[in-house]
Structures are given as C-alpha cells and as structure tokens.
C-alpha cells in the first residue's frame, strides 16, 4: 500500500461513528495521541525463544529506539498467575511487544527505516537469515491502535521487580457500540475511576487493524498481584462506576472480554 493511502485509510478508521456524541467539536489535547502496535511473536520452543530474546534485546529494541520508538514493552504470559476470565491464546514462549509511535508515518516507514539501519541488518542475521524450514518464530500477529484522548501516550506506572501487567480486550458487536464504550472511558470518567482506585494505565487504544474488531485494548500495571486485587476490589463499589454501569446509554456496548496477565522480560523498557 502507498504510504499516502495508508495514512488516509488509517486516519479514516480513527474517525468517530456517525450518530454518537463524538461528532461534537474535538476537545483540545494536552499531548498528541500515539499510534500503538501490539505485536505477538509466536515461538515454538525454548531454544528459539532464547534466540529471539537475544535479537530483541541486543538488536531490535535498540534499532526501534534509534527510530524514535520508545519505551518498548516486551512481555510474556504470566505463567505464575492463576488464569482469570478468558485469556488471549499466548503460549509460554510467545513474546508480546508494545511499540509506541509518534505518528502514522512512523508506523508506515518502520520497515524501510529498519532496512536502512546497518547495525540492525548486520547484527540480526540469526533472524534475517534463518532458513524457511527452521525459523526463529513461526509468525507475527499484530494490532494497530490509536491511543485514547484520556491516555494519549504510554505510561510506565511501576518498576517493581514483581510487577505484573493486565491486558484486556473489549470486543463490541458493532462500531456504534464500540464508540460508546470508548466514550464511557474517555469522556464519562471510567479511566478517572481506574486511576483513583490504583488501576494504573499503561495504554488505552482503539484498535484500527487486527483481529476481533471492533474492539478497544488496554493495559494496566501493578506492583504485584496483591495490589492488582486490591485495586479491582475498590473499583467494583466505586459510586461513579456504579452510576456508569447503570446508565442505559452504555448498556450492551461490550460483547466479549479477554483478560490476560503478563510479566515483563528482562529487557522490557516498561
């Protein structure tokens, strides 16, 4: 796809749905909203996982940083945390990257930027030159998102050695319902309630491309699982949340929720 066409299409995808309050004039923003890619590497074995870790740590993430993409998050499924709800189908050795871009142009140009990076091309031969029948990773899957007005850039809420991240995907049955759920977070105050209860955002994103569309995706960061449980315990009885939950405008906006716990890799910048 031509870069101009990509930017036009992506921008159109981010427009509000007709018939919602998002048609009102845009509010001034304190920061330009980032474009977020959530990328999952599917890895078959612990041996390949070590090769991928070395590549991401020593070659790919430094190259992303040189391209103006930081901080880069790198996560694996939290195998030490009991499964709650419907988790995403992450295998033990899969790696999930969070790449925050300053613009759609950064997204569109990333491949060519990396191809022109001599260190990336030279030092990444374990990945670039892997034979067809013996790849380091089997496939890469991706969501492209536009950050919410209320959380326009990624945040790093914790650096605790025991930190855990909670990734949630809210699917909607149509675009109108999805727009109203975004309104519930952005304008009606649900994100503010999250913060008040200690549910610390890393990002909130409207998915523009990927699977399970339409949806929104968000990630929360906690010092540990005890603080995670305590924060959600405060959220349920919060008066603002109870009011929002009973508002008929927001009824039926979410048709499915995926709930996944992640641990950062040793080389994660988040």
C-alpha atoms as a PDB file:
ATOM      1  CA  UNK A   1       0.000   0.000   0.000  1.00  0.00           C
ATOM      2  CA  UNK A   2       1.257   3.503  -0.820  1.00  0.00           C
ATOM      3  CA  UNK A   3       2.238   5.487   2.283  1.00  0.00           C
ATOM      4  CA  UNK A   4      -0.233   8.285   1.481  1.00  0.00           C
ATOM      5  CA  UNK A   5      -3.030   5.757   1.077  1.00  0.00           C
ATOM      6  CA  UNK A   6      -2.124   4.109   4.377  1.00  0.00           C
ATOM      7  CA  UNK A   7      -2.221   7.409   6.247  1.00  0.00           C
ATOM      8  CA  UNK A   8      -5.567   8.325   4.701  1.00  0.00           C
ATOM      9  CA  UNK A   9      -7.113   4.935   5.439  1.00  0.00           C
ATOM     10  CA  UNK A  10      -5.794   4.811   8.986  1.00  0.00           C
ATOM     11  CA  UNK A  11      -6.982   8.328   9.706  1.00  0.00           C
ATOM     12  CA  UNK A  12     -10.441   7.491   8.377  1.00  0.00           C
ATOM     13  CA  UNK A  13     -10.600   4.417  10.616  1.00  0.00           C
ATOM     14  CA  UNK A  14      -9.994   6.606  13.652  1.00  0.00           C
ATOM     15  CA  UNK A  15     -12.946   8.915  12.924  1.00  0.00           C
ATOM     16  CA  UNK A  16     -15.975   8.726  15.240  1.00  0.00           C
ATOM     17  CA  UNK A  17     -19.069   6.810  14.239  1.00  0.00           C
ATOM     18  CA  UNK A  18     -21.980   8.887  12.958  1.00  0.00           C
ATOM     19  CA  UNK A  19     -24.760   9.297  15.490  1.00  0.00           C
ATOM     20  CA  UNK A  20     -22.536   9.350  18.590  1.00  0.00           C
ATOM     21  CA  UNK A  21     -21.587  12.279  20.782  1.00  0.00           C
ATOM     22  CA  UNK A  22     -18.093  12.044  19.305  1.00  0.00           C
ATOM     23  CA  UNK A  23     -19.434  14.225  16.468  1.00  0.00           C
ATOM     24  CA  UNK A  24     -19.070  17.226  18.754  1.00  0.00           C
ATOM     25  CA  UNK A  25     -16.042  19.521  18.214  1.00  0.00           C
ATOM     26  CA  UNK A  26     -12.829  17.902  19.389  1.00  0.00           C
ATOM     27  CA  UNK A  27     -11.535  18.905  22.781  1.00  0.00           C
ATOM     28  CA  UNK A  28      -8.013  20.329  22.986  1.00  0.00           C
ATOM     29  CA  UNK A  29      -5.482  17.634  23.794  1.00  0.00           C
ATOM     30  CA  UNK A  30      -2.564  18.021  26.186  1.00  0.00           C
ATOM     31  CA  UNK A  31      -0.448  15.662  24.083  1.00  0.00           C
ATOM     32  CA  UNK A  32      -0.583  14.195  20.606  1.00  0.00           C
ATOM     33  CA  UNK A  33      -2.030  10.719  20.671  1.00  0.00           C
ATOM     34  CA  UNK A  34       0.395   7.925  19.909  1.00  0.00           C
ATOM     35  CA  UNK A  35      -0.098   5.129  17.406  1.00  0.00           C
ATOM     36  CA  UNK A  36       0.440   1.822  19.189  1.00  0.00           C
ATOM     37  CA  UNK A  37       1.381  -1.529  17.746  1.00  0.00           C
ATOM     38  CA  UNK A  38       0.875  -4.591  19.919  1.00  0.00           C
ATOM     39  CA  UNK A  39       2.903  -7.309  18.229  1.00  0.00           C
ATOM     40  CA  UNK A  40       2.987 -11.002  19.182  1.00  0.00           C
ATOM     41  CA  UNK A  41       5.811 -13.317  18.123  1.00  0.00           C
ATOM     42  CA  UNK A  42       4.729 -16.957  18.027  1.00  0.00           C
ATOM     43  CA  UNK A  43       7.655 -19.120  19.156  1.00  0.00           C
ATOM     44  CA  UNK A  44       7.730 -22.922  19.135  1.00  0.00           C
ATOM     45  CA  UNK A  45      10.477 -23.896  21.583  1.00  0.00           C
ATOM     46  CA  UNK A  46      12.616 -22.651  24.477  1.00  0.00           C
ATOM     47  CA  UNK A  47      15.713 -22.781  22.235  1.00  0.00           C
ATOM     48  CA  UNK A  48      14.097 -20.475  19.684  1.00  0.00           C
ATOM     49  CA  UNK A  49      12.830 -18.252  22.480  1.00  0.00           C
ATOM     50  CA  UNK A  50      16.421 -17.652  23.621  1.00  0.00           C
ATOM     51  CA  UNK A  51      17.446 -16.672  20.089  1.00  0.00           C
ATOM     52  CA  UNK A  52      14.504 -14.291  19.806  1.00  0.00           C
ATOM     53  CA  UNK A  53      15.235 -12.767  23.219  1.00  0.00           C
ATOM     54  CA  UNK A  54      18.830 -12.061  22.196  1.00  0.00           C
ATOM     55  CA  UNK A  55      17.673 -10.479  18.936  1.00  0.00           C
ATOM     56  CA  UNK A  56      15.050  -8.291  20.597  1.00  0.00           C
ATOM     57  CA  UNK A  57      17.332  -7.246  23.465  1.00  0.00           C
ATOM     58  CA  UNK A  58      20.527  -6.547  21.542  1.00  0.00           C
ATOM     59  CA  UNK A  59      19.360  -5.650  18.035  1.00  0.00           C
ATOM     60  CA  UNK A  60      15.685  -4.912  17.506  1.00  0.00           C
ATOM     61  CA  UNK A  61      14.801  -2.749  20.519  1.00  0.00           C
ATOM     62  CA  UNK A  62      17.943  -0.578  20.165  1.00  0.00           C
ATOM     63  CA  UNK A  63      17.004  -0.113  16.493  1.00  0.00           C
ATOM     64  CA  UNK A  64      13.437   0.814  17.420  1.00  0.00           C
ATOM     65  CA  UNK A  65      14.831   3.360  19.874  1.00  0.00           C
ATOM     66  CA  UNK A  66      17.065   4.841  17.159  1.00  0.00           C
ATOM     67  CA  UNK A  67      13.938   5.131  15.014  1.00  0.00           C
ATOM     68  CA  UNK A  68      12.254   7.186  17.735  1.00  0.00           C
ATOM     69  CA  UNK A  69      10.145   4.359  19.201  1.00  0.00           C
ATOM     70  CA  UNK A  70      10.418   4.227  22.988  1.00  0.00           C
ATOM     71  CA  UNK A  71       9.793   2.974  25.542  1.00  0.00           C
ATOM     72  CA  UNK A  72       9.316  -0.503  24.087  1.00  0.00           C
ATOM     73  CA  UNK A  73       7.454  -3.026  26.195  1.00  0.00           C
ATOM     74  CA  UNK A  74       8.301  -6.737  25.963  1.00  0.00           C
ATOM     75  CA  UNK A  75       6.123  -9.265  27.789  1.00  0.00           C
ATOM     76  CA  UNK A  76       5.383 -12.955  28.200  1.00  0.00           C
ATOM     77  CA  UNK A  77       2.366 -14.700  29.636  1.00  0.00           C
ATOM     78  CA  UNK A  78       2.449 -14.680  33.450  1.00  0.00           C
ATOM     79  CA  UNK A  79       2.522 -18.432  33.976  1.00  0.00           C
ATOM     80  CA  UNK A  80       2.744 -17.944  37.761  1.00  0.00           C
ATOM     81  CA  UNK A  81      -0.635 -16.166  37.886  1.00  0.00           C
ATOM     82  CA  UNK A  82      -3.882 -18.183  38.005  1.00  0.00           C
ATOM     83  CA  UNK A  83      -5.965 -17.843  34.846  1.00  0.00           C
ATOM     84  CA  UNK A  84      -8.894 -15.468  35.312  1.00  0.00           C
ATOM     85  CA  UNK A  85     -11.588 -14.967  32.708  1.00  0.00           C
ATOM     86  CA  UNK A  86     -10.793 -15.616  29.039  1.00  0.00           C
ATOM     87  CA  UNK A  87      -7.067 -15.049  28.398  1.00  0.00           C
ATOM     88  CA  UNK A  88      -5.616 -14.445  24.955  1.00  0.00           C
ATOM     89  CA  UNK A  89      -4.062 -17.598  23.436  1.00  0.00           C
ATOM     90  CA  UNK A  90      -0.467 -16.823  24.424  1.00  0.00           C
ATOM     91  CA  UNK A  91       1.886 -19.783  24.625  1.00  0.00           C
ATOM     92  CA  UNK A  92       4.692 -19.943  27.186  1.00  0.00           C
ATOM     93  CA  UNK A  93       7.442 -18.866  24.761  1.00  0.00           C
ATOM     94  CA  UNK A  94       5.493 -16.220  22.822  1.00  0.00           C
ATOM     95  CA  UNK A  95       6.664 -12.624  23.181  1.00  0.00           C
ATOM     96  CA  UNK A  96       4.388  -9.587  23.006  1.00  0.00           C
ATOM     97  CA  UNK A  97       5.920  -6.222  22.076  1.00  0.00           C
ATOM     98  CA  UNK A  98       4.341  -2.809  22.604  1.00  0.00           C
ATOM     99  CA  UNK A  99       5.696  -0.264  20.098  1.00  0.00           C
ATOM    100  CA  UNK A 100       4.604   3.367  20.650  1.00  0.00           C
ATOM    101  CA  UNK A 101       4.834   5.525  17.514  1.00  0.00           C
ATOM    102  CA  UNK A 102       4.626   9.307  17.414  1.00  0.00           C
ATOM    103  CA  UNK A 103       2.703   9.266  14.125  1.00  0.00           C
ATOM    104  CA  UNK A 104       1.091   7.080  11.482  1.00  0.00           C
ATOM    105  CA  UNK A 105       4.032   7.937   9.251  1.00  0.00           C
ATOM    106  CA  UNK A 106       6.354   6.284  11.769  1.00  0.00           C
ATOM    107  CA  UNK A 107       4.263   3.116  11.514  1.00  0.00           C
ATOM    108  CA  UNK A 108       4.275   3.183   7.722  1.00  0.00           C
ATOM    109  CA  UNK A 109       8.019   3.791   7.461  1.00  0.00           C
ATOM    110  CA  UNK A 110       9.241   1.361  10.125  1.00  0.00           C
ATOM    111  CA  UNK A 111      10.168  -1.475   7.768  1.00  0.00           C
ATOM    112  CA  UNK A 112      12.157   0.804   5.457  1.00  0.00           C
ATOM    113  CA  UNK A 113      13.757   2.544   8.440  1.00  0.00           C
ATOM    114  CA  UNK A 114      14.979  -0.788   9.802  1.00  0.00           C
ATOM    115  CA  UNK A 115      16.175  -1.926   6.367  1.00  0.00           C
ATOM    116  CA  UNK A 116      18.355   1.189   6.212  1.00  0.00           C
ATOM    117  CA  UNK A 117      19.774   0.605   9.706  1.00  0.00           C
ATOM    118  CA  UNK A 118      23.165  -1.069   9.138  1.00  0.00           C
ATOM    119  CA  UNK A 119      23.508  -2.321  12.719  1.00  0.00           C
ATOM    120  CA  UNK A 120      20.036  -3.846  12.668  1.00  0.00           C
ATOM    121  CA  UNK A 121      20.683  -5.649   9.391  1.00  0.00           C
ATOM    122  CA  UNK A 122      24.203  -6.773  10.371  1.00  0.00           C
ATOM    123  CA  UNK A 123      23.501  -7.916  13.918  1.00  0.00           C
ATOM    124  CA  UNK A 124      20.163  -9.554  13.219  1.00  0.00           C
ATOM    125  CA  UNK A 125      21.376 -12.338  10.972  1.00  0.00           C
ATOM    126  CA  UNK A 126      20.073 -15.061  13.306  1.00  0.00           C
ATOM    127  CA  UNK A 127      16.601 -13.793  12.377  1.00  0.00           C
ATOM    128  CA  UNK A 128      17.106 -12.401   8.889  1.00  0.00           C
ATOM    129  CA  UNK A 129      18.992 -15.436   7.542  1.00  0.00           C
ATOM    130  CA  UNK A 130      17.002 -18.186   9.269  1.00  0.00           C
ATOM    131  CA  UNK A 131      16.092 -20.951   6.798  1.00  0.00           C
ATOM    132  CA  UNK A 132      12.499 -21.479   5.701  1.00  0.00           C
ATOM    133  CA  UNK A 133      12.241 -24.814   7.484  1.00  0.00           C
ATOM    134  CA  UNK A 134      13.823 -23.608  10.710  1.00  0.00           C
ATOM    135  CA  UNK A 135      12.542 -20.091  11.518  1.00  0.00           C
ATOM    136  CA  UNK A 136      13.168 -18.457  14.891  1.00  0.00           C
ATOM    137  CA  UNK A 137       9.481 -17.528  15.143  1.00  0.00           C
ATOM    138  CA  UNK A 138       6.582 -19.011  13.245  1.00  0.00           C
ATOM    139  CA  UNK A 139       4.520 -15.868  12.651  1.00  0.00           C
ATOM    140  CA  UNK A 140       3.990 -12.330  13.910  1.00  0.00           C
ATOM    141  CA  UNK A 141       0.471 -11.137  14.740  1.00  0.00           C
ATOM    142  CA  UNK A 142      -0.356  -7.503  15.310  1.00  0.00           C
ATOM    143  CA  UNK A 143      -2.936  -4.967  16.432  1.00  0.00           C
ATOM    144  CA  UNK A 144      -2.587  -1.339  15.342  1.00  0.00           C
ATOM    145  CA  UNK A 145      -4.230   1.112  17.717  1.00  0.00           C
ATOM    146  CA  UNK A 146      -4.727   4.823  18.220  1.00  0.00           C
ATOM    147  CA  UNK A 147      -4.275   5.941  21.823  1.00  0.00           C
ATOM    148  CA  UNK A 148      -7.264   7.360  23.694  1.00  0.00           C
ATOM    149  CA  UNK A 149      -7.605  11.086  24.378  1.00  0.00           C
ATOM    150  CA  UNK A 150      -7.565  10.381  28.127  1.00  0.00           C
ATOM    151  CA  UNK A 151      -4.279   8.426  27.892  1.00  0.00           C
ATOM    152  CA  UNK A 152      -2.623   9.926  24.798  1.00  0.00           C
ATOM    153  CA  UNK A 153       0.819   8.419  25.403  1.00  0.00           C
ATOM    154  CA  UNK A 154       2.025   5.265  27.126  1.00  0.00           C
ATOM    155  CA  UNK A 155       2.758   5.478  30.828  1.00  0.00           C
ATOM    156  CA  UNK A 156       5.149   3.473  32.989  1.00  0.00           C
ATOM    157  CA  UNK A 157       3.288   3.123  36.278  1.00  0.00           C
ATOM    158  CA  UNK A 158       5.661   0.771  38.080  1.00  0.00           C
ATOM    159  CA  UNK A 159       9.213  -0.536  38.045  1.00  0.00           C
ATOM    160  CA  UNK A 160       8.691  -3.055  40.842  1.00  0.00           C
ATOM    161  CA  UNK A 161      10.695  -6.250  40.441  1.00  0.00           C
ATOM    162  CA  UNK A 162       7.449  -8.194  40.966  1.00  0.00           C
ATOM    163  CA  UNK A 163       5.341  -6.043  38.636  1.00  0.00           C
ATOM    164  CA  UNK A 164       2.532  -7.575  36.653  1.00  0.00           C
ATOM    165  CA  UNK A 165       0.580  -6.209  33.709  1.00  0.00           C
ATOM    166  CA  UNK A 166      -3.049  -6.877  32.925  1.00  0.00           C
ATOM    167  CA  UNK A 167      -4.086  -6.765  29.260  1.00  0.00           C
ATOM    168  CA  UNK A 168      -7.786  -6.584  28.461  1.00  0.00           C
ATOM    169  CA  UNK A 169      -9.558  -6.652  25.085  1.00  0.00           C
ATOM    170  CA  UNK A 170     -13.140  -5.378  24.950  1.00  0.00           C
ATOM    171  CA  UNK A 171     -14.940  -6.525  21.817  1.00  0.00           C
ATOM    172  CA  UNK A 172     -18.144  -4.864  20.633  1.00  0.00           C
ATOM    173  CA  UNK A 173     -20.804  -6.193  18.292  1.00  0.00           C
ATOM    174  CA  UNK A 174     -20.756  -3.097  16.044  1.00  0.00           C
ATOM    175  CA  UNK A 175     -18.975   0.226  15.594  1.00  0.00           C
ATOM    176  CA  UNK A 176     -21.681   2.246  17.322  1.00  0.00           C
ATOM    177  CA  UNK A 177     -21.389   0.167  20.482  1.00  0.00           C
ATOM    178  CA  UNK A 178     -17.590   0.383  20.324  1.00  0.00           C
ATOM    179  CA  UNK A 179     -17.759   4.177  20.065  1.00  0.00           C
ATOM    180  CA  UNK A 180     -19.987   4.373  23.126  1.00  0.00           C
ATOM    181  CA  UNK A 181     -17.630   2.194  25.159  1.00  0.00           C
ATOM    182  CA  UNK A 182     -14.745   4.495  24.197  1.00  0.00           C
ATOM    183  CA  UNK A 183     -16.909   7.432  25.281  1.00  0.00           C
ATOM    184  CA  UNK A 184     -17.516   5.702  28.613  1.00  0.00           C
ATOM    185  CA  UNK A 185     -13.778   5.549  29.227  1.00  0.00           C
ATOM    186  CA  UNK A 186     -12.719   8.847  27.679  1.00  0.00           C
ATOM    187  CA  UNK A 187     -15.491  11.310  28.460  1.00  0.00           C
ATOM    188  CA  UNK A 188     -17.751   9.762  31.093  1.00  0.00           C
ATOM    189  CA  UNK A 189     -14.957   9.195  33.608  1.00  0.00           C
ATOM    190  CA  UNK A 190     -14.236   5.470  33.754  1.00  0.00           C
ATOM    191  CA  UNK A 191     -10.481   5.962  33.264  1.00  0.00           C
ATOM    192  CA  UNK A 192     -10.506   8.552  36.047  1.00  0.00           C
ATOM    193  CA  UNK A 193     -12.109   5.953  38.321  1.00  0.00           C
ATOM    194  CA  UNK A 194      -9.402   3.477  37.330  1.00  0.00           C
ATOM    195  CA  UNK A 195      -6.707   5.912  38.408  1.00  0.00           C
ATOM    196  CA  UNK A 196      -8.471   6.735  41.655  1.00  0.00           C
ATOM    197  CA  UNK A 197      -8.640   3.038  42.527  1.00  0.00           C
ATOM    198  CA  UNK A 198      -4.950   2.363  41.761  1.00  0.00           C
ATOM    199  CA  UNK A 199      -5.586   0.694  38.400  1.00  0.00           C
ATOM    200  CA  UNK A 200      -2.676   2.319  36.615  1.00  0.00           C
ATOM    201  CA  UNK A 201      -2.911   2.698  32.817  1.00  0.00           C
ATOM    202  CA  UNK A 202      -0.026   1.780  30.546  1.00  0.00           C
ATOM    203  CA  UNK A 203      -2.167   2.477  27.478  1.00  0.00           C
ATOM    204  CA  UNK A 204      -5.725   2.575  26.193  1.00  0.00           C
ATOM    205  CA  UNK A 205      -6.051   2.028  22.466  1.00  0.00           C
ATOM    206  CA  UNK A 206      -8.753   1.924  19.808  1.00  0.00           C
ATOM    207  CA  UNK A 207      -7.895  -0.986  17.537  1.00  0.00           C
ATOM    208  CA  UNK A 208      -7.781   0.084  13.893  1.00  0.00           C
ATOM    209  CA  UNK A 209      -6.425  -3.146  12.406  1.00  0.00           C
ATOM    210  CA  UNK A 210      -6.057  -6.665  13.704  1.00  0.00           C
ATOM    211  CA  UNK A 211      -8.442  -9.371  14.885  1.00  0.00           C
ATOM    212  CA  UNK A 212     -11.646  -9.377  16.944  1.00  0.00           C
ATOM    213  CA  UNK A 213     -12.709  -5.974  15.563  1.00  0.00           C
ATOM    214  CA  UNK A 214     -14.237  -3.679  16.596  1.00  0.00           C
ATOM    215  CA  UNK A 215     -12.504  -3.559  19.941  1.00  0.00           C
ATOM    216  CA  UNK A 216     -10.545  -1.487  22.378  1.00  0.00           C
ATOM    217  CA  UNK A 217      -7.477  -2.739  24.208  1.00  0.00           C
ATOM    218  CA  UNK A 218      -5.924  -1.510  27.398  1.00  0.00           C
ATOM    219  CA  UNK A 219      -3.077  -2.459  29.703  1.00  0.00           C
ATOM    220  CA  UNK A 220      -2.765  -1.775  33.421  1.00  0.00           C
ATOM    221  CA  UNK A 221       0.393  -2.020  35.531  1.00  0.00           C
ATOM    222  CA  UNK A 222       0.625  -3.105  39.164  1.00  0.00           C
ATOM    223  CA  UNK A 223       3.474  -3.525  41.647  1.00  0.00           C
ATOM    224  CA  UNK A 224       2.322  -7.093  42.287  1.00  0.00           C
ATOM    225  CA  UNK A 225      -0.771  -9.292  42.261  1.00  0.00           C
ATOM    226  CA  UNK A 226      -1.805  -8.143  45.735  1.00  0.00           C
ATOM    227  CA  UNK A 227      -2.089  -4.515  44.601  1.00  0.00           C
ATOM    228  CA  UNK A 228      -3.922  -5.692  41.480  1.00  0.00           C
ATOM    229  CA  UNK A 229      -6.544  -7.488  43.554  1.00  0.00           C
ATOM    230  CA  UNK A 230      -6.887  -4.562  45.961  1.00  0.00           C
ATOM    231  CA  UNK A 231      -7.370  -2.058  43.125  1.00  0.00           C
ATOM    232  CA  UNK A 232     -10.129  -4.080  41.463  1.00  0.00           C
ATOM    233  CA  UNK A 233     -11.714  -4.511  44.875  1.00  0.00           C
ATOM    234  CA  UNK A 234     -12.007  -0.722  45.155  1.00  0.00           C
ATOM    235  CA  UNK A 235     -13.340  -0.366  41.629  1.00  0.00           C
ATOM    236  CA  UNK A 236     -16.461  -2.526  41.935  1.00  0.00           C
ATOM    237  CA  UNK A 237     -18.227  -0.485  44.666  1.00  0.00           C
ATOM    238  CA  UNK A 238     -16.983   2.928  43.447  1.00  0.00           C
ATOM    239  CA  UNK A 239     -20.033   5.229  43.178  1.00  0.00           C
ATOM    240  CA  UNK A 240     -19.025   6.684  39.810  1.00  0.00           C
ATOM    241  CA  UNK A 241     -18.558   3.217  38.318  1.00  0.00           C
ATOM    242  CA  UNK A 242     -21.922   2.073  39.713  1.00  0.00           C
ATOM    243  CA  UNK A 243     -23.559   5.110  38.092  1.00  0.00           C
ATOM    244  CA  UNK A 244     -21.860   4.462  34.755  1.00  0.00           C
ATOM    245  CA  UNK A 245     -22.738   0.780  34.848  1.00  0.00           C
ATOM    246  CA  UNK A 246     -26.424   1.583  35.314  1.00  0.00           C
ATOM    247  CA  UNK A 247     -26.536   4.238  32.566  1.00  0.00           C
ATOM    248  CA  UNK A 248     -28.688   2.821  29.726  1.00  0.00           C
ATOM    249  CA  UNK A 249     -26.535   4.621  27.181  1.00  0.00           C
ATOM    250  CA  UNK A 250     -23.644   2.274  27.942  1.00  0.00           C
ATOM    251  CA  UNK A 251     -25.633  -0.954  28.197  1.00  0.00           C
ATOM    252  CA  UNK A 252     -24.670  -3.689  25.762  1.00  0.00           C
ATOM    253  CA  UNK A 253     -21.521  -1.995  24.482  1.00  0.00           C
ATOM    254  CA  UNK A 254     -19.191  -4.946  25.190  1.00  0.00           C
ATOM    255  CA  UNK A 255     -19.875  -8.426  23.832  1.00  0.00           C
ATOM    256  CA  UNK A 256     -16.713 -10.232  24.951  1.00  0.00           C
ATOM    257  CA  UNK A 257     -13.732  -9.546  27.219  1.00  0.00           C
ATOM    258  CA  UNK A 258     -10.303 -11.179  27.084  1.00  0.00           C
ATOM    259  CA  UNK A 259      -8.229 -10.912  30.264  1.00  0.00           C
ATOM    260  CA  UNK A 260      -4.514 -11.759  30.208  1.00  0.00           C
ATOM    261  CA  UNK A 261      -1.742 -11.318  32.776  1.00  0.00           C
ATOM    262  CA  UNK A 262       1.784 -10.582  31.582  1.00  0.00           C
ATOM    263  CA  UNK A 263       5.251 -10.367  33.087  1.00  0.00           C
ATOM    264  CA  UNK A 264       7.900  -8.105  31.535  1.00  0.00           C
ATOM    265  CA  UNK A 265      11.012  -9.678  30.055  1.00  0.00           C
ATOM    266  CA  UNK A 266      14.391  -8.699  31.462  1.00  0.00           C
ATOM    267  CA  UNK A 267      14.914  -6.335  28.511  1.00  0.00           C
ATOM    268  CA  UNK A 268      11.499  -4.650  28.571  1.00  0.00           C
ATOM    269  CA  UNK A 269      11.622  -0.856  28.804  1.00  0.00           C
ATOM    270  CA  UNK A 270       8.224  -0.796  30.543  1.00  0.00           C
END
